[in-house]
Amino acid sequence: PRMVDRCAALALPKGAPIPAQWAMPQLQVSEAEIAAWRQAKTTGEGPAIALAPGAVGPSKRWSYFPELARDLTRQGLNVWVVGGPGEKEAARAIMDAAGPLARDMTGTDLRNGILALAAAQTVISNDSGLLHVAAALGTPSIGIFGPTSAYHWAPLNPIDAVIETTTDVPCRPCHKPVCRLQHHRCMRDIGTAQVLDAARTTLARHGIA
């Protein structure tokens, strides 16, 4: 069963059947809140892509967020790095690669992270809690799945793209937070071009050049 079925079943009365379809989570942030947040954070003009490079365990973290951020900012897109304090090092690497159009939004303030995800035009995230938050907000989202199965772990809310390796990795999915074989191929074999193409397609689908 999917993880959502296993977890949500705990809230049901004993012996109750699992419904065929769960209600989709919803988070709502007003346009006024988003506008005030962007002004306070001086995020600049133009569309923004939020990147969520964190995840529980290193095997679930995609290897090439800095290169992706560099390519996105070269196209004139703002890049916001979203996550907790544990993503500060990843944020620094992204900022170094992407330049002045990149902003570090990581920190302990979850509300700030939610507002960044709500204000962004697209979110690109590892398989993590922030991918579920972005999907619940209705922000067009791209999920990168390495050692985990999108069927078991993707948000209930629809996302625009599921990114997985196109090469044969026999040990995938292992659902382990650390690569037991130490090659991390399920993530390393996902190239920057594959994710960048998905981002371009998502932006075009939603009318953003």
C-alpha atoms as a PDB file:
ATOM      1  CA  PRO A   1       0.000   0.000   0.000  1.00  0.00           C
ATOM      2  CA  ARG A   2       0.972   3.616  -0.468  1.00  0.00           C
ATOM      3  CA  MET A   3       2.379   5.448   2.513  1.00  0.00           C
ATOM      4  CA  VAL A   4      -0.647   7.781   2.586  1.00  0.00           C
ATOM      5  CA  ASP A   5      -2.972   4.780   2.861  1.00  0.00           C
ATOM      6  CA  ARG A   6      -0.950   3.326   5.719  1.00  0.00           C
ATOM      7  CA  CYS A   7      -0.753   6.608   7.647  1.00  0.00           C
ATOM      8  CA  ALA A   8      -4.282   7.879   7.056  1.00  0.00           C
ATOM      9  CA  ALA A   9      -5.710   4.484   8.021  1.00  0.00           C
ATOM     10  CA  LEU A  10      -4.486   5.138  11.567  1.00  0.00           C
ATOM     11  CA  ALA A  11      -7.121   7.875  11.877  1.00  0.00           C
ATOM     12  CA  LEU A  12      -9.986   5.540  10.949  1.00  0.00           C
ATOM     13  CA  PRO A  13     -12.085   3.593  13.456  1.00  0.00           C
ATOM     14  CA  LYS A  14     -10.938   0.044  14.024  1.00  0.00           C
ATOM     15  CA  GLY A  15     -12.067  -2.225  11.214  1.00  0.00           C
ATOM     16  CA  ALA A  16     -13.233   0.621   8.964  1.00  0.00           C
ATOM     17  CA  PRO A  17     -12.496   0.080   5.267  1.00  0.00           C
ATOM     18  CA  ILE A  18      -9.865   2.227   3.609  1.00  0.00           C
ATOM     19  CA  PRO A  19     -11.631   4.606   1.202  1.00  0.00           C
ATOM     20  CA  ALA A  20     -10.885   4.306  -2.503  1.00  0.00           C
ATOM     21  CA  GLN A  21      -9.932   7.985  -2.581  1.00  0.00           C
ATOM     22  CA  TRP A  22      -8.761  10.321   0.170  1.00  0.00           C
ATOM     23  CA  ALA A  23      -9.594  14.014   0.257  1.00  0.00           C
ATOM     24  CA  MET A  24      -6.701  16.020  -1.160  1.00  0.00           C
ATOM     25  CA  PRO A  25      -4.802  18.252   1.275  1.00  0.00           C
ATOM     26  CA  GLN A  26      -5.246  21.974   0.691  1.00  0.00           C
ATOM     27  CA  LEU A  27      -3.206  24.946   1.862  1.00  0.00           C
ATOM     28  CA  GLN A  28      -4.384  28.429   0.966  1.00  0.00           C
ATOM     29  CA  VAL A  29      -2.291  31.596   0.893  1.00  0.00           C
ATOM     30  CA  SER A  30      -3.895  34.829  -0.274  1.00  0.00           C
ATOM     31  CA  GLU A  31      -2.461  36.949  -3.075  1.00  0.00           C
ATOM     32  CA  ALA A  32      -2.193  39.833  -0.598  1.00  0.00           C
ATOM     33  CA  GLU A  33       0.007  37.739   1.704  1.00  0.00           C
ATOM     34  CA  ILE A  34       2.194  36.696  -1.219  1.00  0.00           C
ATOM     35  CA  ALA A  35       2.571  40.287  -2.422  1.00  0.00           C
ATOM     36  CA  ALA A  36       3.462  41.515   1.071  1.00  0.00           C
ATOM     37  CA  TRP A  37       5.975  38.698   1.504  1.00  0.00           C
ATOM     38  CA  ARG A  38       7.668  39.429  -1.832  1.00  0.00           C
ATOM     39  CA  GLN A  39       7.936  43.106  -0.952  1.00  0.00           C
ATOM     40  CA  ALA A  40       9.355  42.373   2.496  1.00  0.00           C
ATOM     41  CA  LYS A  41      11.871  39.898   1.109  1.00  0.00           C
ATOM     42  CA  THR A  42      12.752  42.140  -1.870  1.00  0.00           C
ATOM     43  CA  THR A  43      12.618  39.097  -4.116  1.00  0.00           C
ATOM     44  CA  GLY A  44      12.809  41.121  -7.296  1.00  0.00           C
ATOM     45  CA  GLU A  45      10.605  41.140 -10.332  1.00  0.00           C
ATOM     46  CA  GLY A  46       9.845  38.279 -12.670  1.00  0.00           C
ATOM     47  CA  PRO A  47       9.041  34.604 -12.254  1.00  0.00           C
ATOM     48  CA  ALA A  48      10.787  32.467  -9.674  1.00  0.00           C
ATOM     49  CA  ILE A  49      11.603  28.787  -9.346  1.00  0.00           C
ATOM     50  CA  ALA A  50      11.740  27.410  -5.807  1.00  0.00           C
ATOM     51  CA  LEU A  51      14.284  24.646  -5.266  1.00  0.00           C
ATOM     52  CA  ALA A  52      13.979  22.267  -2.311  1.00  0.00           C
ATOM     53  CA  PRO A  53      17.300  20.373  -2.162  1.00  0.00           C
ATOM     54  CA  GLY A  54      16.744  18.721   1.211  1.00  0.00           C
ATOM     55  CA  ALA A  55      15.360  15.302   2.090  1.00  0.00           C
ATOM     56  CA  VAL A  56      15.557  12.750   4.871  1.00  0.00           C
ATOM     57  CA  GLY A  57      18.811  10.977   4.134  1.00  0.00           C
ATOM     58  CA  PRO A  58      21.506  11.686   1.542  1.00  0.00           C
ATOM     59  CA  SER A  59      20.313   9.065  -0.944  1.00  0.00           C
ATOM     60  CA  LYS A  60      17.119  11.072  -1.571  1.00  0.00           C
ATOM     61  CA  ARG A  61      18.994  14.272  -2.420  1.00  0.00           C
ATOM     62  CA  TRP A  62      19.574  14.985  -6.112  1.00  0.00           C
ATOM     63  CA  SER A  63      23.178  15.757  -6.963  1.00  0.00           C
ATOM     64  CA  TYR A  64      22.927  18.660  -9.403  1.00  0.00           C
ATOM     65  CA  PHE A  65      20.852  21.472  -7.927  1.00  0.00           C
ATOM     66  CA  PRO A  66      23.718  24.012  -8.301  1.00  0.00           C
ATOM     67  CA  GLU A  67      24.057  23.296 -12.021  1.00  0.00           C
ATOM     68  CA  LEU A  68      20.285  23.479 -12.480  1.00  0.00           C
ATOM     69  CA  ALA A  69      20.122  26.810 -10.625  1.00  0.00           C
ATOM     70  CA  ARG A  70      22.906  28.207 -12.812  1.00  0.00           C
ATOM     71  CA  ASP A  71      21.021  27.245 -15.972  1.00  0.00           C
ATOM     72  CA  LEU A  72      17.747  28.699 -14.664  1.00  0.00           C
ATOM     73  CA  THR A  73      19.256  32.053 -13.715  1.00  0.00           C
ATOM     74  CA  ARG A  74      20.986  32.266 -17.088  1.00  0.00           C
ATOM     75  CA  GLN A  75      17.480  32.299 -18.535  1.00  0.00           C
ATOM     76  CA  GLY A  76      16.605  35.277 -16.324  1.00  0.00           C
ATOM     77  CA  LEU A  77      14.607  33.297 -13.783  1.00  0.00           C
ATOM     78  CA  ASN A  78      14.841  33.968 -10.063  1.00  0.00           C
ATOM     79  CA  VAL A  79      15.799  30.973  -7.933  1.00  0.00           C
ATOM     80  CA  TRP A  80      14.754  30.599  -4.303  1.00  0.00           C
ATOM     81  CA  VAL A  81      16.291  27.869  -2.181  1.00  0.00           C
ATOM     82  CA  VAL A  82      13.768  26.604   0.367  1.00  0.00           C
ATOM     83  CA  GLY A  83      14.394  24.327   3.330  1.00  0.00           C
ATOM     84  CA  GLY A  84      15.403  24.107   6.955  1.00  0.00           C
ATOM     85  CA  PRO A  85      18.704  24.972   8.648  1.00  0.00           C
ATOM     86  CA  GLY A  86      20.098  21.641   7.472  1.00  0.00           C
ATOM     87  CA  GLU A  87      19.986  22.893   3.890  1.00  0.00           C
ATOM     88  CA  LYS A  88      22.251  25.911   4.496  1.00  0.00           C
ATOM     89  CA  GLU A  89      25.271  24.181   2.977  1.00  0.00           C
ATOM     90  CA  ALA A  90      23.286  23.132  -0.093  1.00  0.00           C
ATOM     91  CA  ALA A  91      21.942  26.675  -0.378  1.00  0.00           C
ATOM     92  CA  ARG A  92      25.466  28.112  -0.335  1.00  0.00           C
ATOM     93  CA  ALA A  93      26.538  25.813  -3.159  1.00  0.00           C
ATOM     94  CA  ILE A  94      23.490  26.826  -5.191  1.00  0.00           C
ATOM     95  CA  MET A  95      24.080  30.522  -4.531  1.00  0.00           C
ATOM     96  CA  ASP A  96      27.739  30.237  -5.550  1.00  0.00           C
ATOM     97  CA  ALA A  97      26.769  28.597  -8.835  1.00  0.00           C
ATOM     98  CA  ALA A  98      23.717  30.711  -9.686  1.00  0.00           C
ATOM     99  CA  GLY A  99      24.769  34.243  -8.842  1.00  0.00           C
ATOM    100  CA  PRO A 100      22.697  37.293  -7.848  1.00  0.00           C
ATOM    101  CA  LEU A 101      19.333  35.986  -9.089  1.00  0.00           C
ATOM    102  CA  ALA A 102      19.451  33.223  -6.472  1.00  0.00           C
ATOM    103  CA  ARG A 103      18.168  33.770  -2.933  1.00  0.00           C
ATOM    104  CA  ASP A 104      18.637  31.667   0.194  1.00  0.00           C
ATOM    105  CA  MET A 105      15.215  31.219   1.831  1.00  0.00           C
ATOM    106  CA  THR A 106      16.276  28.402   4.153  1.00  0.00           C
ATOM    107  CA  GLY A 107      15.872  28.713   7.902  1.00  0.00           C
ATOM    108  CA  THR A 108      13.729  27.827  10.883  1.00  0.00           C
ATOM    109  CA  ASP A 109      10.646  29.819   9.820  1.00  0.00           C
ATOM    110  CA  LEU A 110       8.291  27.306   8.193  1.00  0.00           C
ATOM    111  CA  ARG A 111       5.810  30.065   7.337  1.00  0.00           C
ATOM    112  CA  ASN A 112       8.484  31.794   5.277  1.00  0.00           C
ATOM    113  CA  GLY A 113       9.099  28.556   3.399  1.00  0.00           C
ATOM    114  CA  ILE A 114       5.391  28.057   2.731  1.00  0.00           C
ATOM    115  CA  LEU A 115       5.074  31.605   1.394  1.00  0.00           C
ATOM    116  CA  ALA A 116       8.064  31.051  -0.895  1.00  0.00           C
ATOM    117  CA  LEU A 117       6.471  27.876  -2.264  1.00  0.00           C
ATOM    118  CA  ALA A 118       3.151  29.693  -2.736  1.00  0.00           C
ATOM    119  CA  ALA A 119       4.757  32.661  -4.491  1.00  0.00           C
ATOM    120  CA  ALA A 120       6.946  30.627  -6.852  1.00  0.00           C
ATOM    121  CA  GLN A 121       5.823  29.823 -10.376  1.00  0.00           C
ATOM    122  CA  THR A 122       7.275  26.302 -10.152  1.00  0.00           C
ATOM    123  CA  VAL A 123       8.778  24.147  -7.408  1.00  0.00           C
ATOM    124  CA  ILE A 124      11.489  21.550  -8.042  1.00  0.00           C
ATOM    125  CA  SER A 125      11.939  19.276  -5.063  1.00  0.00           C
ATOM    126  CA  ASN A 126      13.363  15.985  -3.947  1.00  0.00           C
ATOM    127  CA  ASP A 127      10.931  13.467  -2.493  1.00  0.00           C
ATOM    128  CA  SER A 128      10.379  15.412   0.728  1.00  0.00           C
ATOM    129  CA  GLY A 129       7.751  17.088   2.844  1.00  0.00           C
ATOM    130  CA  LEU A 130       8.143  20.357   0.941  1.00  0.00           C
ATOM    131  CA  LEU A 131       7.026  18.636  -2.276  1.00  0.00           C
ATOM    132  CA  HIS A 132       3.772  17.737  -0.501  1.00  0.00           C
ATOM    133  CA  VAL A 133       3.404  21.299   0.781  1.00  0.00           C
ATOM    134  CA  ALA A 134       3.916  22.749  -2.698  1.00  0.00           C
ATOM    135  CA  ALA A 135       1.383  20.338  -4.192  1.00  0.00           C
ATOM    136  CA  ALA A 136      -1.163  21.172  -1.480  1.00  0.00           C
ATOM    137  CA  LEU A 137      -0.684  24.876  -2.284  1.00  0.00           C
ATOM    138  CA  GLY A 138      -1.408  24.184  -5.943  1.00  0.00           C
ATOM    139  CA  THR A 139       1.985  25.450  -7.116  1.00  0.00           C
ATOM    140  CA  PRO A 140       3.142  23.605 -10.263  1.00  0.00           C
ATOM    141  CA  SER A 141       5.607  21.073  -8.898  1.00  0.00           C
ATOM    142  CA  ILE A 142       8.286  18.709 -10.165  1.00  0.00           C
ATOM    143  CA  GLY A 143       9.339  15.816  -7.920  1.00  0.00           C
ATOM    144  CA  ILE A 144      12.686  14.046  -8.195  1.00  0.00           C
ATOM    145  CA  PHE A 145      12.531  10.414  -7.065  1.00  0.00           C
ATOM    146  CA  GLY A 146      15.688   8.326  -6.721  1.00  0.00           C
ATOM    147  CA  PRO A 147      15.633   5.508  -4.168  1.00  0.00           C
ATOM    148  CA  THR A 148      11.912   5.896  -3.533  1.00  0.00           C
ATOM    149  CA  SER A 149       8.903   5.004  -5.650  1.00  0.00           C
ATOM    150  CA  ALA A 150       6.666   7.859  -6.767  1.00  0.00           C
ATOM    151  CA  TYR A 151       3.686   5.514  -6.521  1.00  0.00           C
ATOM    152  CA  HIS A 152       4.292   4.997  -2.813  1.00  0.00           C
ATOM    153  CA  TRP A 153       5.500   8.477  -1.827  1.00  0.00           C
ATOM    154  CA  ALA A 154       4.280  11.158  -4.270  1.00  0.00           C
ATOM    155  CA  PRO A 155       1.726  13.714  -3.018  1.00  0.00           C
ATOM    156  CA  LEU A 156      -1.978  12.973  -3.313  1.00  0.00           C
ATOM    157  CA  ASN A 157      -2.329  16.267  -5.137  1.00  0.00           C
ATOM    158  CA  PRO A 158      -1.280  16.033  -8.787  1.00  0.00           C
ATOM    159  CA  ILE A 159       2.186  17.283  -9.662  1.00  0.00           C
ATOM    160  CA  ASP A 160       3.368  18.385 -13.084  1.00  0.00           C
ATOM    161  CA  ALA A 161       6.236  15.954 -13.492  1.00  0.00           C
ATOM    162  CA  VAL A 162       7.824  12.957 -11.814  1.00  0.00           C
ATOM    163  CA  ILE A 163      11.552  12.768 -12.537  1.00  0.00           C
ATOM    164  CA  GLU A 164      13.238   9.362 -12.325  1.00  0.00           C
ATOM    165  CA  THR A 165      16.383   7.941 -13.850  1.00  0.00           C
ATOM    166  CA  THR A 166      15.997   6.555 -17.356  1.00  0.00           C
ATOM    167  CA  THR A 167      18.921   4.151 -16.894  1.00  0.00           C
ATOM    168  CA  ASP A 168      18.658   0.660 -15.491  1.00  0.00           C
ATOM    169  CA  VAL A 169      19.418   0.746 -11.761  1.00  0.00           C
ATOM    170  CA  PRO A 170      18.551  -2.766 -10.504  1.00  0.00           C
ATOM    171  CA  CYS A 171      18.581  -1.832  -6.809  1.00  0.00           C
ATOM    172  CA  ARG A 172      15.924   0.854  -7.275  1.00  0.00           C
ATOM    173  CA  PRO A 173      13.634   1.448  -5.441  1.00  0.00           C
ATOM    174  CA  CYS A 174      15.282   0.533  -2.166  1.00  0.00           C
ATOM    175  CA  HIS A 175      13.494   3.173  -0.027  1.00  0.00           C
ATOM    176  CA  LYS A 176      16.691   3.581   2.018  1.00  0.00           C
ATOM    177  CA  PRO A 177      17.903   6.980   3.272  1.00  0.00           C
ATOM    178  CA  VAL A 178      21.542   5.998   2.630  1.00  0.00           C
ATOM    179  CA  CYS A 179      22.765   4.212  -0.493  1.00  0.00           C
ATOM    180  CA  ARG A 180      23.810   0.729   0.643  1.00  0.00           C
ATOM    181  CA  LEU A 181      25.967   0.210  -2.466  1.00  0.00           C
ATOM    182  CA  GLN A 182      27.523   3.693  -2.198  1.00  0.00           C
ATOM    183  CA  HIS A 183      27.093   4.544  -5.877  1.00  0.00           C
ATOM    184  CA  HIS A 184      23.963   6.751  -5.582  1.00  0.00           C
ATOM    185  CA  ARG A 185      23.226   6.012  -9.257  1.00  0.00           C
ATOM    186  CA  CYS A 186      19.466   6.407  -8.914  1.00  0.00           C
ATOM    187  CA  MET A 187      20.103  10.132  -8.371  1.00  0.00           C
ATOM    188  CA  ARG A 188      23.445  10.676 -10.141  1.00  0.00           C
ATOM    189  CA  ASP A 189      22.053   9.249 -13.390  1.00  0.00           C
ATOM    190  CA  ILE A 190      19.364  11.961 -13.490  1.00  0.00           C
ATOM    191  CA  GLY A 191      21.048  14.675 -15.548  1.00  0.00           C
ATOM    192  CA  THR A 192      20.532  18.401 -15.278  1.00  0.00           C
ATOM    193  CA  ALA A 193      19.091  18.530 -18.806  1.00  0.00           C
ATOM    194  CA  GLN A 194      16.313  16.102 -17.847  1.00  0.00           C
ATOM    195  CA  VAL A 195      15.133  18.311 -14.984  1.00  0.00           C
ATOM    196  CA  LEU A 196      15.641  21.543 -16.925  1.00  0.00           C
ATOM    197  CA  ASP A 197      13.474  20.224 -19.776  1.00  0.00           C
ATOM    198  CA  ALA A 198      10.731  19.356 -17.286  1.00  0.00           C
ATOM    199  CA  ALA A 199      10.958  22.865 -15.816  1.00  0.00           C
ATOM    200  CA  ARG A 200      10.677  24.483 -19.251  1.00  0.00           C
ATOM    201  CA  THR A 201       7.681  22.297 -20.115  1.00  0.00           C
ATOM    202  CA  THR A 202       5.978  23.124 -16.820  1.00  0.00           C
ATOM    203  CA  LEU A 203       6.549  26.864 -17.204  1.00  0.00           C
ATOM    204  CA  ALA A 204       5.221  26.798 -20.778  1.00  0.00           C
ATOM    205  CA  ARG A 205       2.190  24.761 -19.743  1.00  0.00           C
ATOM    206  CA  HIS A 206       1.277  27.445 -17.225  1.00  0.00           C
ATOM    207  CA  GLY A 207       1.899  30.336 -19.599  1.00  0.00           C
ATOM    208  CA  ILE A 208       5.265  31.450 -18.259  1.00  0.00           C
ATOM    209  CA  ALA A 209       7.939  32.041 -20.900  1.00  0.00           C
END
